[in-house]
């Protein structure tokens, strides 16, 4: 694994310091590693959601034209009304 030295913004340092002091992390580098891991998981999750939404949109498009007011149907299904959505 490559080692790199970096200067942290004061906001990051002030976030990391109490976590190291609590004993949860051995040092600031461990806090940064945990943050990078969380970012990777978040971006992977975002990508999976986007892929699922795209697949659903393509499925909907391939199914043909919707009949009636599809938005009213969805709002009714979830007990909402159009005025509460603005």
C-alpha atoms as a PDB file:
ATOM      1  CA  UNK A   1       0.000   0.000   0.000  1.00  0.00           C
ATOM      2  CA  UNK A   2       1.311   3.451  -0.911  1.00  0.00           C
ATOM      3  CA  UNK A   3       1.982   5.909   1.875  1.00  0.00           C
ATOM      4  CA  UNK A   4       1.282   9.578   1.368  1.00  0.00           C
ATOM      5  CA  UNK A   5       1.649  12.517   3.695  1.00  0.00           C
ATOM      6  CA  UNK A   6      -1.037  15.167   3.485  1.00  0.00           C
ATOM      7  CA  UNK A   7      -2.085  18.298   5.269  1.00  0.00           C
ATOM      8  CA  UNK A   8      -5.629  18.110   6.613  1.00  0.00           C
ATOM      9  CA  UNK A   9      -8.051  21.002   6.651  1.00  0.00           C
ATOM     10  CA  UNK A  10      -8.708  22.271  10.160  1.00  0.00           C
ATOM     11  CA  UNK A  11     -12.318  21.015   9.962  1.00  0.00           C
ATOM     12  CA  UNK A  12     -11.116  17.479   9.273  1.00  0.00           C
ATOM     13  CA  UNK A  13      -8.490  17.658  11.985  1.00  0.00           C
ATOM     14  CA  UNK A  14     -11.036  18.931  14.526  1.00  0.00           C
ATOM     15  CA  UNK A  15     -13.379  16.102  13.529  1.00  0.00           C
ATOM     16  CA  UNK A  16     -10.660  13.442  13.814  1.00  0.00           C
ATOM     17  CA  UNK A  17      -8.987  14.574  17.037  1.00  0.00           C
ATOM     18  CA  UNK A  18     -11.801  13.658  19.485  1.00  0.00           C
ATOM     19  CA  UNK A  19     -12.296  10.306  17.784  1.00  0.00           C
ATOM     20  CA  UNK A  20      -8.628   9.470  18.241  1.00  0.00           C
ATOM     21  CA  UNK A  21      -8.732  10.788  21.836  1.00  0.00           C
ATOM     22  CA  UNK A  22     -11.711   8.538  22.613  1.00  0.00           C
ATOM     23  CA  UNK A  23      -9.683   5.504  21.586  1.00  0.00           C
ATOM     24  CA  UNK A  24     -12.065   4.604  18.778  1.00  0.00           C
ATOM     25  CA  UNK A  25      -9.256   5.137  16.254  1.00  0.00           C
ATOM     26  CA  UNK A  26      -5.526   4.720  16.755  1.00  0.00           C
ATOM     27  CA  UNK A  27      -4.646   7.856  14.802  1.00  0.00           C
ATOM     28  CA  UNK A  28      -5.930  10.440  12.334  1.00  0.00           C
ATOM     29  CA  UNK A  29      -4.958   8.238   9.390  1.00  0.00           C
ATOM     30  CA  UNK A  30      -7.368   5.572  10.658  1.00  0.00           C
ATOM     31  CA  UNK A  31     -10.162   8.165  10.754  1.00  0.00           C
ATOM     32  CA  UNK A  32      -9.384   9.168   7.157  1.00  0.00           C
ATOM     33  CA  UNK A  33      -9.318   5.492   6.093  1.00  0.00           C
ATOM     34  CA  UNK A  34     -12.735   4.937   7.707  1.00  0.00           C
ATOM     35  CA  UNK A  35     -14.106   8.030   5.970  1.00  0.00           C
ATOM     36  CA  UNK A  36     -12.811   6.847   2.593  1.00  0.00           C
ATOM     37  CA  UNK A  37     -14.365   3.423   3.169  1.00  0.00           C
ATOM     38  CA  UNK A  38     -17.721   5.047   3.983  1.00  0.00           C
ATOM     39  CA  UNK A  39     -17.452   7.190   0.841  1.00  0.00           C
ATOM     40  CA  UNK A  40     -16.763   4.117  -1.312  1.00  0.00           C
ATOM     41  CA  UNK A  41     -19.795   2.330   0.144  1.00  0.00           C
ATOM     42  CA  UNK A  42     -21.987   5.389  -0.329  1.00  0.00           C
ATOM     43  CA  UNK A  43     -20.969   5.852  -3.954  1.00  0.00           C
ATOM     44  CA  UNK A  44     -21.450   2.140  -4.666  1.00  0.00           C
ATOM     45  CA  UNK A  45     -24.924   2.372  -3.135  1.00  0.00           C
ATOM     46  CA  UNK A  46     -25.728   5.475  -5.190  1.00  0.00           C
ATOM     47  CA  UNK A  47     -24.613   3.683  -8.344  1.00  0.00           C
ATOM     48  CA  UNK A  48     -26.778   0.657  -7.520  1.00  0.00           C
ATOM     49  CA  UNK A  49     -29.804   2.901  -6.932  1.00  0.00           C
ATOM     50  CA  UNK A  50     -29.207   4.747 -10.193  1.00  0.00           C
ATOM     51  CA  UNK A  51     -28.874   1.445 -12.071  1.00  0.00           C
ATOM     52  CA  UNK A  52     -32.128   0.162 -10.547  1.00  0.00           C
ATOM     53  CA  UNK A  53     -33.985   3.375 -11.377  1.00  0.00           C
ATOM     54  CA  UNK A  54     -32.703   3.300 -14.945  1.00  0.00           C
ATOM     55  CA  UNK A  55     -33.810  -0.327 -15.334  1.00  0.00           C
ATOM     56  CA  UNK A  56     -37.260   0.515 -13.974  1.00  0.00           C
ATOM     57  CA  UNK A  57     -37.557   3.529 -16.287  1.00  0.00           C
ATOM     58  CA  UNK A  58     -36.578   1.381 -19.275  1.00  0.00           C
ATOM     59  CA  UNK A  59     -39.083  -1.280 -18.212  1.00  0.00           C
ATOM     60  CA  UNK A  60     -41.791   1.341 -17.921  1.00  0.00           C
ATOM     61  CA  UNK A  61     -40.940   2.832 -21.298  1.00  0.00           C
ATOM     62  CA  UNK A  62     -41.004  -0.607 -22.928  1.00  0.00           C
ATOM     63  CA  UNK A  63     -44.402  -1.413 -21.409  1.00  0.00           C
ATOM     64  CA  UNK A  64     -46.168   1.237 -23.496  1.00  0.00           C
ATOM     65  CA  UNK A  65     -48.253   4.269 -22.677  1.00  0.00           C
ATOM     66  CA  UNK A  66     -49.762   4.515 -19.234  1.00  0.00           C
ATOM     67  CA  UNK A  67     -53.502   4.971 -19.062  1.00  0.00           C
ATOM     68  CA  UNK A  68     -55.126   7.547 -16.805  1.00  0.00           C
ATOM     69  CA  UNK A  69     -53.363   9.921 -14.455  1.00  0.00           C
ATOM     70  CA  UNK A  70     -50.425   7.818 -13.274  1.00  0.00           C
ATOM     71  CA  UNK A  71     -49.258  10.481 -10.810  1.00  0.00           C
ATOM     72  CA  UNK A  72     -52.677  10.667  -9.146  1.00  0.00           C
ATOM     73  CA  UNK A  73     -52.674   6.864  -8.909  1.00  0.00           C
ATOM     74  CA  UNK A  74     -49.276   6.835  -7.209  1.00  0.00           C
ATOM     75  CA  UNK A  75     -50.219   9.639  -4.815  1.00  0.00           C
ATOM     76  CA  UNK A  76     -53.455   7.851  -3.905  1.00  0.00           C
ATOM     77  CA  UNK A  77     -51.591   4.580  -3.358  1.00  0.00           C
ATOM     78  CA  UNK A  78     -49.444   6.234  -0.718  1.00  0.00           C
ATOM     79  CA  UNK A  79     -52.231   8.315   0.809  1.00  0.00           C
ATOM     80  CA  UNK A  80     -50.870  11.610  -0.474  1.00  0.00           C
ATOM     81  CA  UNK A  81     -52.417  14.448  -2.396  1.00  0.00           C
ATOM     82  CA  UNK A  82     -50.932  16.722  -5.032  1.00  0.00           C
ATOM     83  CA  UNK A  83     -51.103  19.840  -2.844  1.00  0.00           C
ATOM     84  CA  UNK A  84     -48.822  18.264  -0.214  1.00  0.00           C
ATOM     85  CA  UNK A  85     -46.136  17.614  -2.835  1.00  0.00           C
ATOM     86  CA  UNK A  86     -45.214  21.214  -3.659  1.00  0.00           C
END
